[in-house]
Amino acid sequence: MDVEIIAYKPEYKTDFRKLNEDWITTYFKMEEADTGIPSPYERCNIQMEIIL
């Protein structure tokens, strides 16, 4: 399997949120406070790398 690390871009927002929500709901419980809040990357404008 080849792995490519790319920088986070705003167009990945929907997919990134979906991955996070899937992970949270698999291992934890999604709470009302978890929905609708901006991601840390939006709040802090941090450059992030994700693995595809």
PDB file of N, CA and C in Angstrom:
ATOM      1  N   MET A   1       0.848  -1.178   0.000  1.00  0.00           N
ATOM      2  CA  MET A   1       0.000   0.000   0.000  1.00  0.00           C
ATOM      3  C   MET A   1       0.892   1.240   0.000  1.00  0.00           C
ATOM      4  N   ASP A   2       0.604   2.159  -0.894  1.00  0.00           N
ATOM      5  CA  ASP A   2       1.318   3.424  -0.945  1.00  0.00           C
ATOM      6  C   ASP A   2       0.600   4.443  -0.069  1.00  0.00           C
ATOM      7  N   VAL A   3       1.356   5.253   0.643  1.00  0.00           N
ATOM      8  CA  VAL A   3       0.805   6.291   1.502  1.00  0.00           C
ATOM      9  C   VAL A   3       1.358   7.624   1.045  1.00  0.00           C
ATOM     10  N   GLU A   4       0.480   8.583   0.892  1.00  0.00           N
ATOM     11  CA  GLU A   4       0.880   9.933   0.520  1.00  0.00           C
ATOM     12  C   GLU A   4       0.396  10.886   1.601  1.00  0.00           C
ATOM     13  N   ILE A   5       1.269  11.720   2.109  1.00  0.00           N
ATOM     14  CA  ILE A   5       0.903  12.714   3.111  1.00  0.00           C
ATOM     15  C   ILE A   5       0.722  14.042   2.397  1.00  0.00           C
ATOM     16  N   ILE A   6      -0.455  14.623   2.583  1.00  0.00           N
ATOM     17  CA  ILE A   6      -0.750  15.891   1.927  1.00  0.00           C
ATOM     18  C   ILE A   6      -1.190  16.911   2.973  1.00  0.00           C
ATOM     19  N   ALA A   7      -1.040  18.171   2.651  1.00  0.00           N
ATOM     20  CA  ALA A   7      -1.451  19.245   3.565  1.00  0.00           C
ATOM     21  C   ALA A   7      -2.971  19.358   3.572  1.00  0.00           C
ATOM     22  N   TYR A   8      -3.520  19.672   4.746  1.00  0.00           N
ATOM     23  CA  TYR A   8      -4.962  19.889   4.872  1.00  0.00           C
ATOM     24  C   TYR A   8      -5.361  21.105   4.048  1.00  0.00           C
ATOM     25  N   LYS A   9      -6.490  20.988   3.363  1.00  0.00           N
ATOM     26  CA  LYS A   9      -7.056  22.096   2.604  1.00  0.00           C
ATOM     27  C   LYS A   9      -8.543  22.185   2.949  1.00  0.00           C
ATOM     28  N   PRO A  10      -9.110  23.374   2.887  1.00  0.00           N
ATOM     29  CA  PRO A  10     -10.524  23.548   3.236  1.00  0.00           C
ATOM     30  C   PRO A  10     -11.472  22.625   2.459  1.00  0.00           C
ATOM     31  N   GLU A  11     -11.125  22.252   1.234  1.00  0.00           N
ATOM     32  CA  GLU A  11     -12.022  21.379   0.465  1.00  0.00           C
ATOM     33  C   GLU A  11     -12.114  19.962   1.044  1.00  0.00           C
ATOM     34  N   TYR A  12     -11.225  19.622   1.982  1.00  0.00           N
ATOM     35  CA  TYR A  12     -11.274  18.312   2.646  1.00  0.00           C
ATOM     36  C   TYR A  12     -12.149  18.339   3.898  1.00  0.00           C
ATOM     37  N   LYS A  13     -12.691  19.495   4.221  1.00  0.00           N
ATOM     38  CA  LYS A  13     -13.425  19.680   5.474  1.00  0.00           C
ATOM     39  C   LYS A  13     -14.512  18.627   5.695  1.00  0.00           C
ATOM     40  N   THR A  14     -15.372  18.404   4.702  1.00  0.00           N
ATOM     41  CA  THR A  14     -16.480  17.470   4.855  1.00  0.00           C
ATOM     42  C   THR A  14     -15.986  16.054   5.114  1.00  0.00           C
ATOM     43  N   ASP A  15     -15.011  15.607   4.330  1.00  0.00           N
ATOM     44  CA  ASP A  15     -14.472  14.255   4.504  1.00  0.00           C
ATOM     45  C   ASP A  15     -13.744  14.111   5.833  1.00  0.00           C
ATOM     46  N   PHE A  16     -13.005  15.134   6.219  1.00  0.00           N
ATOM     47  CA  PHE A  16     -12.268  15.083   7.480  1.00  0.00           C
ATOM     48  C   PHE A  16     -13.225  15.013   8.665  1.00  0.00           C
ATOM     49  N   ARG A  17     -14.277  15.812   8.621  1.00  0.00           N
ATOM     50  CA  ARG A  17     -15.284  15.785   9.690  1.00  0.00           C
ATOM     51  C   ARG A  17     -15.957  14.415   9.757  1.00  0.00           C
ATOM     52  N   LYS A  18     -16.269  13.836   8.586  1.00  0.00           N
ATOM     53  CA  LYS A  18     -16.901  12.511   8.544  1.00  0.00           C
ATOM     54  C   LYS A  18     -15.990  11.452   9.162  1.00  0.00           C
ATOM     55  N   LEU A  19     -14.706  11.480   8.835  1.00  0.00           N
ATOM     56  CA  LEU A  19     -13.756  10.530   9.436  1.00  0.00           C
ATOM     57  C   LEU A  19     -13.728  10.670  10.949  1.00  0.00           C
ATOM     58  N   ASN A  20     -13.684  11.906  11.428  1.00  0.00           N
ATOM     59  CA  ASN A  20     -13.655  12.144  12.873  1.00  0.00           C
ATOM     60  C   ASN A  20     -14.945  11.680  13.554  1.00  0.00           C
ATOM     61  N   GLU A  21     -16.076  11.994  12.947  1.00  0.00           N
ATOM     62  CA  GLU A  21     -17.351  11.585  13.532  1.00  0.00           C
ATOM     63  C   GLU A  21     -17.486  10.063  13.552  1.00  0.00           C
ATOM     64  N   ASP A  22     -17.043   9.402  12.484  1.00  0.00           N
ATOM     65  CA  ASP A  22     -17.088   7.934  12.450  1.00  0.00           C
ATOM     66  C   ASP A  22     -16.221   7.339  13.553  1.00  0.00           C
ATOM     67  N   TRP A  23     -15.043   7.903  13.739  1.00  0.00           N
ATOM     68  CA  TRP A  23     -14.127   7.410  14.767  1.00  0.00           C
ATOM     69  C   TRP A  23     -14.725   7.613  16.168  1.00  0.00           C
ATOM     70  N   ILE A  24     -15.262   8.805  16.402  1.00  0.00           N
ATOM     71  CA  ILE A  24     -15.846   9.100  17.719  1.00  0.00           C
ATOM     72  C   ILE A  24     -17.024   8.170  18.005  1.00  0.00           C
ATOM     73  N   THR A  25     -17.926   8.006  17.040  1.00  0.00           N
ATOM     74  CA  THR A  25     -19.109   7.196  17.293  1.00  0.00           C
ATOM     75  C   THR A  25     -18.804   5.699  17.373  1.00  0.00           C
ATOM     76  N   THR A  26     -17.672   5.288  16.821  1.00  0.00           N
ATOM     77  CA  THR A  26     -17.269   3.881  16.939  1.00  0.00           C
ATOM     78  C   THR A  26     -16.753   3.581  18.336  1.00  0.00           C
ATOM     79  N   TYR A  27     -15.986   4.494  18.918  1.00  0.00           N
ATOM     80  CA  TYR A  27     -15.325   4.226  20.193  1.00  0.00           C
ATOM     81  C   TYR A  27     -15.908   4.997  21.387  1.00  0.00           C
ATOM     82  N   PHE A  28     -16.685   6.032  21.096  1.00  0.00           N
ATOM     83  CA  PHE A  28     -17.244   6.876  22.144  1.00  0.00           C
ATOM     84  C   PHE A  28     -18.692   7.209  21.806  1.00  0.00           C
ATOM     85  N   LYS A  29     -19.225   8.218  22.435  1.00  0.00           N
ATOM     86  CA  LYS A  29     -20.566   8.692  22.122  1.00  0.00           C
ATOM     87  C   LYS A  29     -20.477  10.146  21.682  1.00  0.00           C
ATOM     88  N   MET A  30     -21.066  10.423  20.540  1.00  0.00           N
ATOM     89  CA  MET A  30     -21.089  11.792  20.036  1.00  0.00           C
ATOM     90  C   MET A  30     -22.075  12.583  20.890  1.00  0.00           C
ATOM     91  N   GLU A  31     -21.626  13.693  21.432  1.00  0.00           N
ATOM     92  CA  GLU A  31     -22.475  14.530  22.271  1.00  0.00           C
ATOM     93  C   GLU A  31     -22.942  15.744  21.483  1.00  0.00           C
ATOM     94  N   GLU A  32     -24.016  16.341  21.946  1.00  0.00           N
ATOM     95  CA  GLU A  32     -24.569  17.502  21.255  1.00  0.00           C
ATOM     96  C   GLU A  32     -23.525  18.608  21.098  1.00  0.00           C
ATOM     97  N   ALA A  33     -22.686  18.770  22.099  1.00  0.00           N
ATOM     98  CA  ALA A  33     -21.644  19.807  22.045  1.00  0.00           C
ATOM     99  C   ALA A  33     -20.611  19.527  20.958  1.00  0.00           C
ATOM    100  N   ASP A  34     -20.516  18.270  20.511  1.00  0.00           N
ATOM    101  CA  ASP A  34     -19.539  17.905  19.481  1.00  0.00           C
ATOM    102  C   ASP A  34     -20.004  18.249  18.080  1.00  0.00           C
ATOM    103  N   THR A  35     -21.264  18.483  17.894  1.00  0.00           N
ATOM    104  CA  THR A  35     -21.799  18.743  16.558  1.00  0.00           C
ATOM    105  C   THR A  35     -21.867  20.236  16.294  1.00  0.00           C
ATOM    106  N   GLY A  36     -21.550  20.597  15.089  1.00  0.00           N
ATOM    107  CA  GLY A  36     -21.685  21.983  14.675  1.00  0.00           C
ATOM    108  C   GLY A  36     -20.593  22.927  15.133  1.00  0.00           C
ATOM    109  N   ILE A  37     -19.605  22.426  15.859  1.00  0.00           N
ATOM    110  CA  ILE A  37     -18.519  23.310  16.278  1.00  0.00           C
ATOM    111  C   ILE A  37     -17.429  23.306  15.217  1.00  0.00           C
ATOM    112  N   PRO A  38     -16.749  24.416  15.027  1.00  0.00           N
ATOM    113  CA  PRO A  38     -15.669  24.448  14.043  1.00  0.00           C
ATOM    114  C   PRO A  38     -14.531  23.529  14.473  1.00  0.00           C
ATOM    115  N   SER A  39     -13.877  22.951  13.497  1.00  0.00           N
ATOM    116  CA  SER A  39     -12.731  22.101  13.813  1.00  0.00           C
ATOM    117  C   SER A  39     -11.585  22.970  14.326  1.00  0.00           C
ATOM    118  N   PRO A  40     -10.643  22.364  15.029  1.00  0.00           N
ATOM    119  CA  PRO A  40      -9.487  23.140  15.500  1.00  0.00           C
ATOM    120  C   PRO A  40      -8.726  23.791  14.356  1.00  0.00           C
ATOM    121  N   TYR A  41      -8.762  23.162  13.179  1.00  0.00           N
ATOM    122  CA  TYR A  41      -8.032  23.684  12.025  1.00  0.00           C
ATOM    123  C   TYR A  41      -8.700  24.942  11.495  1.00  0.00           C
ATOM    124  N   GLU A  42     -10.007  25.013  11.614  1.00  0.00           N
ATOM    125  CA  GLU A  42     -10.724  26.221  11.203  1.00  0.00           C
ATOM    126  C   GLU A  42     -10.531  27.330  12.227  1.00  0.00           C
ATOM    127  N   ARG A  43     -10.604  26.980  13.517  1.00  0.00           N
ATOM    128  CA  ARG A  43     -10.482  27.988  14.576  1.00  0.00           C
ATOM    129  C   ARG A  43      -9.082  28.580  14.620  1.00  0.00           C
ATOM    130  N   CYS A  44      -8.076  27.749  14.456  1.00  0.00           N
ATOM    131  CA  CYS A  44      -6.694  28.200  14.639  1.00  0.00           C
ATOM    132  C   CYS A  44      -5.975  28.434  13.332  1.00  0.00           C
ATOM    133  N   ASN A  45      -6.613  28.065  12.225  1.00  0.00           N
ATOM    134  CA  ASN A  45      -5.996  28.195  10.918  1.00  0.00           C
ATOM    135  C   ASN A  45      -4.632  27.499  10.891  1.00  0.00           C
ATOM    136  N   ILE A  46      -4.593  26.289  11.425  1.00  0.00           N
ATOM    137  CA  ILE A  46      -3.360  25.511  11.512  1.00  0.00           C
ATOM    138  C   ILE A  46      -3.195  24.680  10.255  1.00  0.00           C
ATOM    139  N   GLN A  47      -1.990  24.613   9.761  1.00  0.00           N
ATOM    140  CA  GLN A  47      -1.679  23.731   8.648  1.00  0.00           C
ATOM    141  C   GLN A  47      -1.609  22.312   9.193  1.00  0.00           C
ATOM    142  N   MET A  48      -2.314  21.385   8.563  1.00  0.00           N
ATOM    143  CA  MET A  48      -2.316  20.013   9.034  1.00  0.00           C
ATOM    144  C   MET A  48      -2.066  19.071   7.880  1.00  0.00           C
ATOM    145  N   GLU A  49      -1.411  17.973   8.171  1.00  0.00           N
ATOM    146  CA  GLU A  49      -1.207  16.957   7.161  1.00  0.00           C
ATOM    147  C   GLU A  49      -2.113  15.782   7.458  1.00  0.00           C
ATOM    148  N   ILE A  50      -2.701  15.224   6.417  1.00  0.00           N
ATOM    149  CA  ILE A  50      -3.525  14.038   6.569  1.00  0.00           C
ATOM    150  C   ILE A  50      -2.978  12.952   5.668  1.00  0.00           C
ATOM    151  N   ILE A  51      -3.208  11.719   6.044  1.00  0.00           N
ATOM    152  CA  ILE A  51      -2.728  10.579   5.264  1.00  0.00           C
ATOM    153  C   ILE A  51      -3.869  10.038   4.435  1.00  0.00           C
ATOM    154  N   LEU A  52      -3.612   9.910   3.151  1.00  0.00           N
ATOM    155  CA  LEU A  52      -4.610   9.333   2.252  1.00  0.00           C
ATOM    156  C   LEU A  52      -4.128   7.978   1.807  1.00  0.00           C
TER     157      LEU A  52
END
